Amino acid sequence: AKLYAKGGKAVNRIQQQFPTVMMEGEVSRERLRTLTEQDSKVLEAIEK
């Protein structure tokens, strides 16, 4: 949760690869879950 929050260490890299999961400068878990439902490879990329 801290990594996903505004200023978190994972935010910039996730934003570069998956800009649609961003909301107000942080990673939206809801949007991320929706995206991983649509494409299983997204989860693997996020985990890396």
All heavy atoms as atom14 arrays in JSON, in Angstrom:
{
  "sequence": "AKLYAKGGKAVNRIQQQFPTVMMEGEVSRERLRTLTEQDSKVLEAIEK",
  "atom14_mask": [
    [1, 1, 1, 1, 1, 0, 0, 0, 0, 0, 0, 0, 0, 0],
    [1, 1, 1, 1, 1, 1, 1, 1, 1, 0, 0, 0, 0, 0],
    [1, 1, 1, 1, 1, 1, 1, 1, 0, 0, 0, 0, 0, 0],
    [1, 1, 1, 1, 1, 1, 1, 1, 1, 1, 1, 1, 0, 0],
    [1, 1, 1, 1, 1, 0, 0, 0, 0, 0, 0, 0, 0, 0],
    [1, 1, 1, 1, 1, 1, 1, 1, 1, 0, 0, 0, 0, 0],
    [1, 1, 1, 1, 0, 0, 0, 0, 0, 0, 0, 0, 0, 0],
    [1, 1, 1, 1, 0, 0, 0, 0, 0, 0, 0, 0, 0, 0],
    [1, 1, 1, 1, 1, 1, 1, 1, 1, 0, 0, 0, 0, 0],
    [1, 1, 1, 1, 1, 0, 0, 0, 0, 0, 0, 0, 0, 0],
    [1, 1, 1, 1, 1, 1, 1, 0, 0, 0, 0, 0, 0, 0],
    [1, 1, 1, 1, 1, 1, 1, 1, 0, 0, 0, 0, 0, 0],
    [1, 1, 1, 1, 1, 1, 1, 1, 1, 1, 1, 0, 0, 0],
    [1, 1, 1, 1, 1, 1, 1, 1, 0, 0, 0, 0, 0, 0],
    [1, 1, 1, 1, 1, 1, 1, 1, 1, 0, 0, 0, 0, 0],
    [1, 1, 1, 1, 1, 1, 1, 1, 1, 0, 0, 0, 0, 0],
    [1, 1, 1, 1, 1, 1, 1, 1, 1, 0, 0, 0, 0, 0],
    [1, 1, 1, 1, 1, 1, 1, 1, 1, 1, 1, 0, 0, 0],
    [1, 1, 1, 1, 1, 1, 1, 0, 0, 0, 0, 0, 0, 0],
    [1, 1, 1, 1, 1, 1, 1, 0, 0, 0, 0, 0, 0, 0],
    [1, 1, 1, 1, 1, 1, 1, 0, 0, 0, 0, 0, 0, 0],
    [1, 1, 1, 1, 1, 1, 1, 1, 0, 0, 0, 0, 0, 0],
    [1, 1, 1, 1, 1, 1, 1, 1, 0, 0, 0, 0, 0, 0],
    [1, 1, 1, 1, 1, 1, 1, 1, 1, 0, 0, 0, 0, 0],
    [1, 1, 1, 1, 0, 0, 0, 0, 0, 0, 0, 0, 0, 0],
    [1, 1, 1, 1, 1, 1, 1, 1, 1, 0, 0, 0, 0, 0],
    [1, 1, 1, 1, 1, 1, 1, 0, 0, 0, 0, 0, 0, 0],
    [1, 1, 1, 1, 1, 1, 0, 0, 0, 0, 0, 0, 0, 0],
    [1, 1, 1, 1, 1, 1, 1, 1, 1, 1, 1, 0, 0, 0],
    [1, 1, 1, 1, 1, 1, 1, 1, 1, 0, 0, 0, 0, 0],
    [1, 1, 1, 1, 1, 1, 1, 1, 1, 1, 1, 0, 0, 0],
    [1, 1, 1, 1, 1, 1, 1, 1, 0, 0, 0, 0, 0, 0],
    [1, 1, 1, 1, 1, 1, 1, 1, 1, 1, 1, 0, 0, 0],
    [1, 1, 1, 1, 1, 1, 1, 0, 0, 0, 0, 0, 0, 0],
    [1, 1, 1, 1, 1, 1, 1, 1, 0, 0, 0, 0, 0, 0],
    [1, 1, 1, 1, 1, 1, 1, 0, 0, 0, 0, 0, 0, 0],
    [1, 1, 1, 1, 1, 1, 1, 1, 1, 0, 0, 0, 0, 0],
    [1, 1, 1, 1, 1, 1, 1, 1, 1, 0, 0, 0, 0, 0],
    [1, 1, 1, 1, 1, 1, 1, 1, 0, 0, 0, 0, 0, 0],
    [1, 1, 1, 1, 1, 1, 0, 0, 0, 0, 0, 0, 0, 0],
    [1, 1, 1, 1, 1, 1, 1, 1, 1, 0, 0, 0, 0, 0],
    [1, 1, 1, 1, 1, 1, 1, 0, 0, 0, 0, 0, 0, 0],
    [1, 1, 1, 1, 1, 1, 1, 1, 0, 0, 0, 0, 0, 0],
    [1, 1, 1, 1, 1, 1, 1, 1, 1, 0, 0, 0, 0, 0],
    [1, 1, 1, 1, 1, 0, 0, 0, 0, 0, 0, 0, 0, 0],
    [1, 1, 1, 1, 1, 1, 1, 1, 0, 0, 0, 0, 0, 0],
    [1, 1, 1, 1, 1, 1, 1, 1, 1, 0, 0, 0, 0, 0],
    [1, 1, 1, 1, 1, 1, 1, 1, 1, 0, 0, 0, 0, 0]
  ],
  "atom14_positions": [
    [[0.84, -1.2, 0.0], [0.0, 0.0, 0.0], [0.87, 1.25, 0.0], [0.56, 2.24, -0.69], [-0.92, -0.01, 1.22], [0.0, 0.0, 0.0], [0.0, 0.0, 0.0], [0.0, 0.0, 0.0], [0.0, 0.0, 0.0], [0.0, 0.0, 0.0], [0.0, 0.0, 0.0], [0.0, 0.0, 0.0], [0.0, 0.0, 0.0], [0.0, 0.0, 0.0]],
    [[1.96, 1.21, 0.76], [2.88, 2.35, 0.81], [3.59, 2.54, -0.54], [3.79, 3.67, -0.99], [3.92, 2.1, 1.92], [4.87, 3.25, 2.17], [5.7, 3.02, 3.42], [6.59, 1.79, 3.28], [7.49, 1.6, 4.45], [0.0, 0.0, 0.0], [0.0, 0.0, 0.0], [0.0, 0.0, 0.0], [0.0, 0.0, 0.0], [0.0, 0.0, 0.0]],
    [[3.93, 1.44, -1.19], [4.59, 1.52, -2.5], [3.66, 2.09, -3.57], [4.12, 2.75, -4.51], [5.06, 0.13, -2.93], [6.18, -0.51, -2.09], [6.41, -1.95, -2.53], [7.47, 0.29, -2.2], [0.0, 0.0, 0.0], [0.0, 0.0, 0.0], [0.0, 0.0, 0.0], [0.0, 0.0, 0.0], [0.0, 0.0, 0.0], [0.0, 0.0, 0.0]],
    [[2.35, 1.81, -3.43], [1.35, 2.28, -4.39], [0.92, 3.73, -4.14], [0.36, 4.38, -5.03], [0.1, 1.41, -4.35], [0.25, 0.03, -4.99], [-0.77, -0.91, -4.85], [1.37, -0.32, -5.71], [-0.67, -2.17, -5.44], [1.48, -1.57, -6.29], [0.46, -2.5, -6.15], [0.58, -3.74, -6.73], [0.0, 0.0, 0.0], [0.0, 0.0, 0.0]],
    [[1.12, 4.22, -2.93], [0.64, 5.55, -2.56], [1.45, 6.65, -3.25], [2.53, 6.4, -3.79], [0.71, 5.72, -1.05], [0.0, 0.0, 0.0], [0.0, 0.0, 0.0], [0.0, 0.0, 0.0], [0.0, 0.0, 0.0], [0.0, 0.0, 0.0], [0.0, 0.0, 0.0], [0.0, 0.0, 0.0], [0.0, 0.0, 0.0], [0.0, 0.0, 0.0]],
    [[0.92, 7.85, -3.24], [1.59, 8.98, -3.88], [3.02, 9.11, -3.34], [3.23, 9.15, -2.12], [0.81, 10.26, -3.62], [1.27, 11.46, -4.42], [0.37, 12.66, -4.19], [-1.03, 12.43, -4.74], [-1.88, 13.64, -4.64], [0.0, 0.0, 0.0], [0.0, 0.0, 0.0], [0.0, 0.0, 0.0], [0.0, 0.0, 0.0], [0.0, 0.0, 0.0]],
    [[4.0, 9.13, -4.23], [5.39, 9.22, -3.82], [6.02, 7.87, -3.51], [7.22, 7.8, -3.2], [0.0, 0.0, 0.0], [0.0, 0.0, 0.0], [0.0, 0.0, 0.0], [0.0, 0.0, 0.0], [0.0, 0.0, 0.0], [0.0, 0.0, 0.0], [0.0, 0.0, 0.0], [0.0, 0.0, 0.0], [0.0, 0.0, 0.0], [0.0, 0.0, 0.0]],
    [[5.24, 6.8, -3.6], [5.75, 5.46, -3.32], [6.77, 5.01, -4.36], [6.74, 5.46, -5.52], [0.0, 0.0, 0.0], [0.0, 0.0, 0.0], [0.0, 0.0, 0.0], [0.0, 0.0, 0.0], [0.0, 0.0, 0.0], [0.0, 0.0, 0.0], [0.0, 0.0, 0.0], [0.0, 0.0, 0.0], [0.0, 0.0, 0.0], [0.0, 0.0, 0.0]],
    [[7.65, 4.13, -3.95], [8.76, 3.71, -4.83], [8.32, 2.99, -6.1], [9.06, 2.94, -7.07], [9.73, 2.82, -4.04], [10.51, 3.54, -2.97], [11.5, 2.6, -2.29], [12.33, 3.32, -1.24], [13.29, 2.4, -0.58], [0.0, 0.0, 0.0], [0.0, 0.0, 0.0], [0.0, 0.0, 0.0], [0.0, 0.0, 0.0], [0.0, 0.0, 0.0]],
    [[7.12, 2.41, -6.08], [6.66, 1.66, -7.26], [5.85, 2.5, -8.24], [5.6, 2.08, -9.37], [5.82, 0.46, -6.82], [0.0, 0.0, 0.0], [0.0, 0.0, 0.0], [0.0, 0.0, 0.0], [0.0, 0.0, 0.0], [0.0, 0.0, 0.0], [0.0, 0.0, 0.0], [0.0, 0.0, 0.0], [0.0, 0.0, 0.0], [0.0, 0.0, 0.0]],
    [[5.46, 3.69, -7.82], [4.5, 4.48, -8.6], [5.0, 4.82, -10.0], [4.29, 4.6, -10.99], [4.12, 5.77, -7.84], [3.32, 6.71, -8.75], [3.3, 5.42, -6.61], [0.0, 0.0, 0.0], [0.0, 0.0, 0.0], [0.0, 0.0, 0.0], [0.0, 0.0, 0.0], [0.0, 0.0, 0.0], [0.0, 0.0, 0.0], [0.0, 0.0, 0.0]],
    [[6.21, 5.36, -10.12], [6.7, 5.8, -11.42], [6.8, 4.66, -12.43], [6.39, 4.81, -13.6], [8.06, 6.49, -11.27], [7.94, 7.87, -10.66], [6.86, 8.47, -10.66], [9.03, 8.38, -10.1], [0.0, 0.0, 0.0], [0.0, 0.0, 0.0], [0.0, 0.0, 0.0], [0.0, 0.0, 0.0], [0.0, 0.0, 0.0], [0.0, 0.0, 0.0]],
    [[7.34, 3.53, -11.98], [7.5, 2.4, -12.9], [6.16, 1.82, -13.33], [5.97, 1.45, -14.49], [8.37, 1.31, -12.26], [9.85, 1.69, -12.18], [10.67, 0.58, -11.61], [10.61, -0.62, -12.45], [11.09, -1.81, -12.05], [11.64, -1.95, -10.86], [11.0, -2.85, -12.86], [0.0, 0.0, 0.0], [0.0, 0.0, 0.0], [0.0, 0.0, 0.0]],
    [[5.22, 1.75, -12.4], [3.89, 1.24, -12.75], [3.19, 2.22, -13.7], [2.54, 1.82, -14.66], [3.05, 0.98, -11.49], [3.64, -0.19, -10.69], [1.58, 0.69, -11.86], [2.95, -0.46, -9.37], [0.0, 0.0, 0.0], [0.0, 0.0, 0.0], [0.0, 0.0, 0.0], [0.0, 0.0, 0.0], [0.0, 0.0, 0.0], [0.0, 0.0, 0.0]],
    [[3.34, 3.5, -13.43], [2.72, 4.51, -14.29], [3.25, 4.44, -15.72], [2.49, 4.6, -16.69], [2.96, 5.91, -13.72], [2.25, 7.01, -14.5], [2.35, 8.35, -13.78], [3.18, 8.54, -12.91], [1.47, 9.26, -14.15], [0.0, 0.0, 0.0], [0.0, 0.0, 0.0], [0.0, 0.0, 0.0], [0.0, 0.0, 0.0], [0.0, 0.0, 0.0]],
    [[4.55, 4.18, -15.85], [5.16, 4.07, -17.18], [4.59, 2.9, -17.98], [4.34, 3.01, -19.17], [6.68, 3.91, -17.04], [7.39, 5.18, -16.6], [8.85, 4.95, -16.25], [9.38, 3.85, -16.46], [9.5, 5.95, -15.7], [0.0, 0.0, 0.0], [0.0, 0.0, 0.0], [0.0, 0.0, 0.0], [0.0, 0.0, 0.0], [0.0, 0.0, 0.0]],
    [[4.37, 1.77, -17.3], [3.89, 0.57, -17.99], [2.37, 0.5, -18.09], [1.85, 0.0, -19.08], [4.43, -0.68, -17.28], [5.94, -0.85, -17.39], [6.4, -2.21, -16.89], [5.79, -3.24, -17.22], [7.44, -2.24, -16.09], [0.0, 0.0, 0.0], [0.0, 0.0, 0.0], [0.0, 0.0, 0.0], [0.0, 0.0, 0.0], [0.0, 0.0, 0.0]],
    [[1.69, 0.96, -17.04], [0.23, 0.82, -17.0], [-0.41, 2.13, -16.54], [-0.94, 2.21, -15.42], [-0.16, -0.33, -16.06], [0.53, -1.63, -16.37], [1.58, -2.06, -15.57], [0.16, -2.4, -17.45], [2.24, -3.26, -15.84], [0.81, -3.58, -17.74], [1.85, -4.01, -16.94], [0.0, 0.0, 0.0], [0.0, 0.0, 0.0], [0.0, 0.0, 0.0]],
    [[-0.38, 3.16, -17.37], [-0.91, 4.47, -16.95], [-2.39, 4.47, -16.59], [-2.83, 5.32, -15.82], [-0.63, 5.36, -18.18], [-0.46, 4.41, -19.32], [0.15, 3.18, -18.74], [0.0, 0.0, 0.0], [0.0, 0.0, 0.0], [0.0, 0.0, 0.0], [0.0, 0.0, 0.0], [0.0, 0.0, 0.0], [0.0, 0.0, 0.0], [0.0, 0.0, 0.0]],
    [[-3.14, 3.52, -17.12], [-4.59, 3.51, -16.86], [-4.93, 3.14, -15.42], [-6.08, 3.34, -15.0], [-5.31, 2.53, -17.8], [-4.8, 1.21, -17.61], [-5.13, 2.95, -19.26], [0.0, 0.0, 0.0], [0.0, 0.0, 0.0], [0.0, 0.0, 0.0], [0.0, 0.0, 0.0], [0.0, 0.0, 0.0], [0.0, 0.0, 0.0], [0.0, 0.0, 0.0]],
    [[-3.98, 2.58, -14.67], [-4.29, 2.18, -13.28], [-4.03, 3.32, -12.3], [-4.26, 3.17, -11.1], [-3.49, 0.93, -12.84], [-3.73, -0.21, -13.8], [-2.01, 1.24, -12.68], [0.0, 0.0, 0.0], [0.0, 0.0, 0.0], [0.0, 0.0, 0.0], [0.0, 0.0, 0.0], [0.0, 0.0, 0.0], [0.0, 0.0, 0.0], [0.0, 0.0, 0.0]],
    [[-3.57, 4.45, -12.81], [-3.25, 5.58, -11.94], [-4.48, 6.43, -11.64], [-5.37, 6.59, -12.48], [-2.17, 6.45, -12.57], [-0.87, 5.73, -12.9], [-0.12, 4.93, -11.45], [0.18, 6.39, -10.42], [0.0, 0.0, 0.0], [0.0, 0.0, 0.0], [0.0, 0.0, 0.0], [0.0, 0.0, 0.0], [0.0, 0.0, 0.0], [0.0, 0.0, 0.0]],
    [[-4.51, 6.99, -10.42], [-5.57, 7.91, -10.04], [-5.02, 8.9, -9.02], [-4.56, 8.52, -7.95], [-6.76, 7.15, -9.42], [-7.93, 8.05, -9.0], [-9.27, 7.13, -8.22], [-9.97, 6.29, -9.63], [0.0, 0.0, 0.0], [0.0, 0.0, 0.0], [0.0, 0.0, 0.0], [0.0, 0.0, 0.0], [0.0, 0.0, 0.0], [0.0, 0.0, 0.0]],
    [[-5.01, 10.15, -9.4], [-4.53, 11.24, -8.53], [-3.12, 10.97, -7.98], [-2.85, 11.15, -6.8], [-5.51, 11.47, -7.38], [-6.89, 11.9, -7.86], [-7.87, 12.12, -6.72], [-7.51, 11.84, -5.57], [-9.0, 12.56, -7.0], [0.0, 0.0, 0.0], [0.0, 0.0, 0.0], [0.0, 0.0, 0.0], [0.0, 0.0, 0.0], [0.0, 0.0, 0.0]],
    [[-2.24, 10.47, -8.87], [-0.84, 10.32, -8.49], [-0.49, 9.05, -7.76], [0.65, 8.88, -7.31], [0.0, 0.0, 0.0], [0.0, 0.0, 0.0], [0.0, 0.0, 0.0], [0.0, 0.0, 0.0], [0.0, 0.0, 0.0], [0.0, 0.0, 0.0], [0.0, 0.0, 0.0], [0.0, 0.0, 0.0], [0.0, 0.0, 0.0], [0.0, 0.0, 0.0]],
    [[-1.45, 8.15, -7.61], [-1.16, 6.87, -6.96], [-1.83, 5.73, -7.72], [-2.68, 5.94, -8.57], [-1.59, 6.88, -5.5], [-3.06, 7.12, -5.26], [-3.38, 7.21, -3.78], [-2.51, 7.6, -2.99], [-4.51, 6.86, -3.4], [0.0, 0.0, 0.0], [0.0, 0.0, 0.0], [0.0, 0.0, 0.0], [0.0, 0.0, 0.0], [0.0, 0.0, 0.0]],
    [[-1.38, 4.52, -7.38], [-1.93, 3.34, -8.05], [-3.28, 3.0, -7.44], [-3.4, 2.81, -6.23], [-0.97, 2.14, -7.91], [-1.57, 0.9, -8.58], [0.4, 2.46, -8.51], [0.0, 0.0, 0.0], [0.0, 0.0, 0.0], [0.0, 0.0, 0.0], [0.0, 0.0, 0.0], [0.0, 0.0, 0.0], [0.0, 0.0, 0.0], [0.0, 0.0, 0.0]],
    [[-4.29, 2.91, -8.29], [-5.62, 2.52, -7.84], [-5.71, 1.0, -7.83], [-5.61, 0.36, -8.88], [-6.69, 3.09, -8.77], [-7.94, 2.44, -8.57], [0.0, 0.0, 0.0], [0.0, 0.0, 0.0], [0.0, 0.0, 0.0], [0.0, 0.0, 0.0], [0.0, 0.0, 0.0], [0.0, 0.0, 0.0], [0.0, 0.0, 0.0], [0.0, 0.0, 0.0]],
    [[-5.89, 0.44, -6.66], [-5.98, -1.03, -6.56], [-7.2, -1.55, -7.31], [-7.16, -2.63, -7.88], [-6.02, -1.46, -5.08], [-4.68, -1.33, -4.38], [-4.62, -2.23, -3.17], [-3.27, -2.29, -2.63], [-2.86, -3.19, -1.75], [-3.7, -4.12, -1.33], [-1.64, -3.2, -1.29], [0.0, 0.0, 0.0], [0.0, 0.0, 0.0], [0.0, 0.0, 0.0]],
    [[-8.27, -0.78, -7.28], [-9.49, -1.2, -7.99], [-9.23, -1.27, -9.49], [-9.59, -2.25, -10.15], [-10.63, -0.24, -7.68], [-11.95, -0.67, -8.3], [-13.09, 0.27, -7.93], [-12.92, 1.08, -7.0], [-14.15, 0.18, -8.58], [0.0, 0.0, 0.0], [0.0, 0.0, 0.0], [0.0, 0.0, 0.0], [0.0, 0.0, 0.0], [0.0, 0.0, 0.0]],
    [[-8.59, -0.25, -10.04], [-8.28, -0.25, -11.47], [-7.27, -1.35, -11.81], [-7.36, -1.98, -12.86], [-7.72, 1.11, -11.88], [-8.74, 2.23, -11.86], [-8.14, 3.53, -12.39], [-9.13, 4.6, -12.42], [-8.9, 5.81, -12.91], [-7.7, 6.09, -13.42], [-9.83, 6.73, -12.89], [0.0, 0.0, 0.0], [0.0, 0.0, 0.0], [0.0, 0.0, 0.0]],
    [[-6.34, -1.57, -10.9], [-5.33, -2.6, -11.13], [-5.97, -3.99, -11.14], [-5.66, -4.83, -11.99], [-4.25, -2.52, -10.05], [-3.06, -3.47, -10.18], [-2.36, -3.28, -11.53], [-2.07, -3.25, -9.05], [0.0, 0.0, 0.0], [0.0, 0.0, 0.0], [0.0, 0.0, 0.0], [0.0, 0.0, 0.0], [0.0, 0.0, 0.0], [0.0, 0.0, 0.0]],
    [[-6.9, -4.22, -10.2], [-7.59, -5.52, -10.18], [-8.39, -5.74, -11.45], [-8.42, -6.84, -12.01], [-8.51, -5.6, -8.95], [-7.8, -5.94, -7.65], [-8.8, -6.33, -6.57], [-9.56, -5.18, -6.11], [-9.26, -4.46, -5.03], [-8.19, -4.76, -4.33], [-10.01, -3.44, -4.66], [0.0, 0.0, 0.0], [0.0, 0.0, 0.0], [0.0, 0.0, 0.0]],
    [[-9.05, -4.69, -11.93], [-9.83, -4.8, -13.16], [-8.92, -5.14, -14.34], [-9.25, -5.98, -15.18], [-10.56, -3.47, -13.45], [-11.44, -3.19, -12.35], [-11.36, -3.56, -14.73], [0.0, 0.0, 0.0], [0.0, 0.0, 0.0], [0.0, 0.0, 0.0], [0.0, 0.0, 0.0], [0.0, 0.0, 0.0], [0.0, 0.0, 0.0], [0.0, 0.0, 0.0]],
    [[-7.76, -4.5, -14.39], [-6.83, -4.75, -15.49], [-6.26, -6.16, -15.44], [-6.11, -6.82, -16.48], [-5.69, -3.72, -15.44], [-4.77, -3.67, -16.66], [-5.57, -3.33, -17.92], [-3.64, -2.67, -16.45], [0.0, 0.0, 0.0], [0.0, 0.0, 0.0], [0.0, 0.0, 0.0], [0.0, 0.0, 0.0], [0.0, 0.0, 0.0], [0.0, 0.0, 0.0]],
    [[-5.95, -6.65, -14.24], [-5.39, -8.0, -14.13], [-6.44, -9.06, -14.47], [-6.09, -10.15, -14.91], [-4.84, -8.26, -12.71], [-5.86, -8.01, -11.74], [-3.64, -7.37, -12.41], [0.0, 0.0, 0.0], [0.0, 0.0, 0.0], [0.0, 0.0, 0.0], [0.0, 0.0, 0.0], [0.0, 0.0, 0.0], [0.0, 0.0, 0.0], [0.0, 0.0, 0.0]],
    [[-7.71, -8.74, -14.26], [-8.77, -9.65, -14.68], [-8.79, -9.79, -16.2], [-9.05, -10.87, -16.73], [-10.14, -9.14, -14.2], [-10.47, -9.44, -12.76], [-11.89, -9.02, -12.43], [-12.83, -9.56, -13.05], [-12.07, -8.16, -11.56], [0.0, 0.0, 0.0], [0.0, 0.0, 0.0], [0.0, 0.0, 0.0], [0.0, 0.0, 0.0], [0.0, 0.0, 0.0]],
    [[-8.51, -8.71, -16.88], [-8.55, -8.69, -18.34], [-7.31, -9.32, -18.97], [-7.37, -9.9, -20.04], [-8.7, -7.25, -18.83], [-9.98, -6.58, -18.38], [-9.98, -5.08, -18.61], [-8.98, -4.5, -19.04], [-11.1, -4.42, -18.34], [0.0, 0.0, 0.0], [0.0, 0.0, 0.0], [0.0, 0.0, 0.0], [0.0, 0.0, 0.0], [0.0, 0.0, 0.0]],
    [[-6.16, -9.2, -18.28], [-4.9, -9.68, -18.84], [-4.02, -10.23, -17.71], [-3.5, -9.47, -16.88], [-4.18, -8.54, -19.56], [-2.91, -9.01, -20.28], [-2.51, -10.17, -20.11], [-2.32, -8.19, -21.0], [0.0, 0.0, 0.0], [0.0, 0.0, 0.0], [0.0, 0.0, 0.0], [0.0, 0.0, 0.0], [0.0, 0.0, 0.0], [0.0, 0.0, 0.0]],
    [[-3.84, -11.54, -17.67], [-3.09, -12.18, -16.59], [-1.61, -11.79, -16.59], [-0.94, -11.87, -15.55], [-3.2, -13.71, -16.71], [-2.68, -14.15, -17.96], [0.0, 0.0, 0.0], [0.0, 0.0, 0.0], [0.0, 0.0, 0.0], [0.0, 0.0, 0.0], [0.0, 0.0, 0.0], [0.0, 0.0, 0.0], [0.0, 0.0, 0.0], [0.0, 0.0, 0.0]],
    [[-1.1, -11.34, -17.73], [0.31, -10.95, -17.81], [0.6, -9.66, -17.05], [1.75, -9.38, -16.69], [0.74, -10.8, -19.27], [0.77, -12.13, -20.03], [1.25, -11.94, -21.45], [1.3, -13.27, -22.21], [1.73, -13.11, -23.61], [0.0, 0.0, 0.0], [0.0, 0.0, 0.0], [0.0, 0.0, 0.0], [0.0, 0.0, 0.0], [0.0, 0.0, 0.0]],
    [[-0.45, -8.88, -16.82], [-0.28, -7.63, -16.08], [0.22, -7.92, -14.66], [1.13, -7.25, -14.16], [-1.6, -6.84, -16.03], [-1.48, -5.65, -15.08], [-1.97, -6.36, -17.42], [0.0, 0.0, 0.0], [0.0, 0.0, 0.0], [0.0, 0.0, 0.0], [0.0, 0.0, 0.0], [0.0, 0.0, 0.0], [0.0, 0.0, 0.0], [0.0, 0.0, 0.0]],
    [[-0.37, -8.91, -14.02], [0.01, -9.25, -12.65], [1.48, -9.65, -12.57], [2.2, -9.24, -11.66], [-0.87, -10.39, -12.12], [-0.64, -10.79, -10.65], [-0.87, -9.6, -9.72], [-1.55, -11.95, -10.27], [0.0, 0.0, 0.0], [0.0, 0.0, 0.0], [0.0, 0.0, 0.0], [0.0, 0.0, 0.0], [0.0, 0.0, 0.0], [0.0, 0.0, 0.0]],
    [[1.94, -10.43, -13.55], [3.35, -10.83, -13.56], [4.26, -9.61, -13.68], [5.3, -9.54, -13.01], [3.6, -11.78, -14.74], [2.89, -13.13, -14.63], [3.09, -13.98, -15.86], [3.99, -13.66, -16.67], [2.35, -14.97, -16.03], [0.0, 0.0, 0.0], [0.0, 0.0, 0.0], [0.0, 0.0, 0.0], [0.0, 0.0, 0.0], [0.0, 0.0, 0.0]],
    [[3.89, -8.68, -14.51], [4.69, -7.47, -14.7], [4.72, -6.62, -13.42], [5.77, -6.09, -13.03], [4.15, -6.65, -15.86], [0.0, 0.0, 0.0], [0.0, 0.0, 0.0], [0.0, 0.0, 0.0], [0.0, 0.0, 0.0], [0.0, 0.0, 0.0], [0.0, 0.0, 0.0], [0.0, 0.0, 0.0], [0.0, 0.0, 0.0], [0.0, 0.0, 0.0]],
    [[3.57, -6.52, -12.77], [3.48, -5.75, -11.52], [4.35, -6.4, -10.44], [5.06, -5.73, -9.69], [2.02, -5.65, -11.04], [1.18, -4.8, -12.02], [1.95, -5.07, -9.63], [1.53, -3.34, -12.06], [0.0, 0.0, 0.0], [0.0, 0.0, 0.0], [0.0, 0.0, 0.0], [0.0, 0.0, 0.0], [0.0, 0.0, 0.0], [0.0, 0.0, 0.0]],
    [[4.28, -7.74, -10.35], [5.06, -8.46, -9.35], [6.56, -8.26, -9.53], [7.31, -8.18, -8.56], [4.71, -9.95, -9.38], [3.33, -10.25, -8.81], [2.94, -11.71, -8.94], [3.6, -12.44, -9.72], [1.97, -12.12, -8.27], [0.0, 0.0, 0.0], [0.0, 0.0, 0.0], [0.0, 0.0, 0.0], [0.0, 0.0, 0.0], [0.0, 0.0, 0.0]],
    [[7.01, -8.16, -10.79], [8.43, -7.94, -11.06], [8.89, -6.57, -10.55], [10.05, -6.39, -10.19], [8.71, -8.06, -12.56], [8.7, -9.5, -13.06], [8.99, -9.56, -14.55], [8.96, -11.01, -15.05], [9.18, -11.1, -16.52], [0.0, 0.0, 0.0], [0.0, 0.0, 0.0], [0.0, 0.0, 0.0], [0.0, 0.0, 0.0], [0.0, 0.0, 0.0]]
  ]
}
